[in-house]
Amino acid sequence: MHPDDIKNKETREFHANLLETAINELPKLHEGEIFTLPDLFLGYEWKRIPLQSRTVLGRYFLDFACKEDGQAILGILGGPGRQRYVRK
């Protein structure tokens, strides 16, 4: 196995874990509550995530919100850029 393959696998697992953390926070939100992705993390946790990983996580979370499972619990507000979501 090539060393880059190991790094890419670890990176994918890291992003998958971050996405899982964010999704697990959704039940704690009230119906109709508007939020952004950073709201799902404690301030110091969010700041510790590298900027590039935050960007990737944002894409993953938006993809989740657009899929059937995500659409059942989330609405998307606004346009491209800093997305806002609403808990259904």
C-alpha atoms as a PDB file:
ATOM      1  CA  MET A   1       0.000   0.000   0.000  1.00  0.00           C
ATOM      2  CA  HIS A   2       1.279   3.435  -0.933  1.00  0.00           C
ATOM      3  CA  PRO A   3       1.808   5.908   1.971  1.00  0.00           C
ATOM      4  CA  ASP A   4      -0.550   8.421   0.299  1.00  0.00           C
ATOM      5  CA  ASP A   5      -3.292   5.772   0.307  1.00  0.00           C
ATOM      6  CA  ILE A   6      -2.963   5.446   4.077  1.00  0.00           C
ATOM      7  CA  LYS A   7      -3.091   9.224   4.535  1.00  0.00           C
ATOM      8  CA  ASN A   8      -6.148   9.538   2.258  1.00  0.00           C
ATOM      9  CA  LYS A   9      -7.932   6.776   4.165  1.00  0.00           C
ATOM     10  CA  GLU A  10      -7.197   8.478   7.492  1.00  0.00           C
ATOM     11  CA  THR A  11      -8.417  11.794   6.079  1.00  0.00           C
ATOM     12  CA  ARG A  12     -11.671  10.234   4.825  1.00  0.00           C
ATOM     13  CA  GLU A  13     -12.216   8.607   8.235  1.00  0.00           C
ATOM     14  CA  PHE A  14     -11.510  11.948   9.953  1.00  0.00           C
ATOM     15  CA  HIS A  15     -14.097  13.730   7.787  1.00  0.00           C
ATOM     16  CA  ALA A  16     -16.604  10.898   8.221  1.00  0.00           C
ATOM     17  CA  ASN A  17     -16.203  11.146  12.010  1.00  0.00           C
ATOM     18  CA  LEU A  18     -16.745  14.915  11.908  1.00  0.00           C
ATOM     19  CA  LEU A  19     -19.874  14.450   9.803  1.00  0.00           C
ATOM     20  CA  GLU A  20     -21.183  11.826  12.209  1.00  0.00           C
ATOM     21  CA  THR A  21     -20.575  14.201  15.133  1.00  0.00           C
ATOM     22  CA  ALA A  22     -22.559  16.951  13.405  1.00  0.00           C
ATOM     23  CA  ILE A  23     -25.443  14.622  12.491  1.00  0.00           C
ATOM     24  CA  ASN A  24     -25.598  13.309  16.062  1.00  0.00           C
ATOM     25  CA  GLU A  25     -26.159  16.868  17.319  1.00  0.00           C
ATOM     26  CA  LEU A  26     -29.264  17.407  15.154  1.00  0.00           C
ATOM     27  CA  PRO A  27     -31.760  15.768  17.555  1.00  0.00           C
ATOM     28  CA  LYS A  28     -30.742  18.327  20.204  1.00  0.00           C
ATOM     29  CA  LEU A  29     -32.098  21.181  18.050  1.00  0.00           C
ATOM     30  CA  HIS A  30     -35.669  22.409  18.359  1.00  0.00           C
ATOM     31  CA  GLU A  31     -38.099  22.219  15.449  1.00  0.00           C
ATOM     32  CA  GLY A  32     -37.778  25.368  13.335  1.00  0.00           C
ATOM     33  CA  GLU A  33     -34.391  26.287  14.811  1.00  0.00           C
ATOM     34  CA  ILE A  34     -32.018  27.903  12.304  1.00  0.00           C
ATOM     35  CA  PHE A  35     -28.331  27.028  12.554  1.00  0.00           C
ATOM     36  CA  THR A  36     -25.030  26.827  10.716  1.00  0.00           C
ATOM     37  CA  LEU A  37     -22.640  23.909  10.697  1.00  0.00           C
ATOM     38  CA  PRO A  38     -20.259  25.468  13.276  1.00  0.00           C
ATOM     39  CA  ASP A  39     -23.212  25.695  15.688  1.00  0.00           C
ATOM     40  CA  LEU A  40     -23.134  21.893  15.936  1.00  0.00           C
ATOM     41  CA  PHE A  41     -19.670  21.952  17.536  1.00  0.00           C
ATOM     42  CA  LEU A  42     -18.340  23.552  20.698  1.00  0.00           C
ATOM     43  CA  GLY A  43     -16.397  26.696  19.815  1.00  0.00           C
ATOM     44  CA  TYR A  44     -13.004  25.269  20.701  1.00  0.00           C
ATOM     45  CA  GLU A  45     -13.762  22.019  18.830  1.00  0.00           C
ATOM     46  CA  TRP A  46     -14.663  23.920  15.656  1.00  0.00           C
ATOM     47  CA  LYS A  47     -11.513  26.069  15.889  1.00  0.00           C
ATOM     48  CA  ARG A  48      -9.347  22.949  16.163  1.00  0.00           C
ATOM     49  CA  ILE A  49     -10.615  21.570  12.859  1.00  0.00           C
ATOM     50  CA  PRO A  50      -8.211  22.613  10.083  1.00  0.00           C
ATOM     51  CA  LEU A  51      -9.729  25.115   7.645  1.00  0.00           C
ATOM     52  CA  GLN A  52      -9.458  22.733   4.688  1.00  0.00           C
ATOM     53  CA  SER A  53     -11.282  20.046   6.670  1.00  0.00           C
ATOM     54  CA  ARG A  54     -14.037  22.516   7.616  1.00  0.00           C
ATOM     55  CA  THR A  55     -14.571  23.175   3.917  1.00  0.00           C
ATOM     56  CA  VAL A  56     -14.768  19.472   3.124  1.00  0.00           C
ATOM     57  CA  LEU A  57     -17.100  18.905   6.077  1.00  0.00           C
ATOM     58  CA  GLY A  58     -19.348  21.702   4.799  1.00  0.00           C
ATOM     59  CA  ARG A  59     -19.681  19.937   1.454  1.00  0.00           C
ATOM     60  CA  TYR A  60     -20.357  16.589   3.135  1.00  0.00           C
ATOM     61  CA  PHE A  61     -23.008  18.119   5.396  1.00  0.00           C
ATOM     62  CA  LEU A  62     -24.701  19.875   2.482  1.00  0.00           C
ATOM     63  CA  ASP A  63     -24.708  16.585   0.562  1.00  0.00           C
ATOM     64  CA  PHE A  64     -26.289  14.905   3.598  1.00  0.00           C
ATOM     65  CA  ALA A  65     -28.931  17.654   3.828  1.00  0.00           C
ATOM     66  CA  CYS A  66     -29.812  17.189   0.151  1.00  0.00           C
ATOM     67  CA  LYS A  67     -30.235  13.421   0.441  1.00  0.00           C
ATOM     68  CA  GLU A  68     -33.466  11.761   1.493  1.00  0.00           C
ATOM     69  CA  ASP A  69     -32.368  11.109   5.102  1.00  0.00           C
ATOM     70  CA  GLY A  70     -31.233  14.696   5.545  1.00  0.00           C
ATOM     71  CA  GLN A  71     -34.286  16.208   3.869  1.00  0.00           C
ATOM     72  CA  ALA A  72     -36.486  14.546   6.467  1.00  0.00           C
ATOM     73  CA  ILE A  73     -34.888  16.612   9.231  1.00  0.00           C
ATOM     74  CA  LEU A  74     -33.317  19.648   7.531  1.00  0.00           C
ATOM     75  CA  GLY A  75     -34.192  22.506   5.236  1.00  0.00           C
ATOM     76  CA  ILE A  76     -31.553  24.606   3.492  1.00  0.00           C
ATOM     77  CA  LEU A  77     -31.726  28.390   3.633  1.00  0.00           C
ATOM     78  CA  GLY A  78     -29.809  30.875   1.518  1.00  0.00           C
ATOM     79  CA  GLY A  79     -27.559  30.404  -1.454  1.00  0.00           C
ATOM     80  CA  PRO A  80     -24.027  29.214  -1.951  1.00  0.00           C
ATOM     81  CA  GLY A  81     -21.422  30.115   0.583  1.00  0.00           C
ATOM     82  CA  ARG A  82     -22.117  29.972   4.278  1.00  0.00           C
ATOM     83  CA  GLN A  83     -25.149  27.730   4.384  1.00  0.00           C
ATOM     84  CA  ARG A  84     -27.861  28.052   6.986  1.00  0.00           C
ATOM     85  CA  TYR A  85     -30.129  25.169   7.824  1.00  0.00           C
ATOM     86  CA  VAL A  86     -33.441  24.815   9.611  1.00  0.00           C
ATOM     87  CA  ARG A  87     -34.451  21.813  11.720  1.00  0.00           C
ATOM     88  CA  LYS A  88     -37.794  20.391  10.521  1.00  0.00           C
END
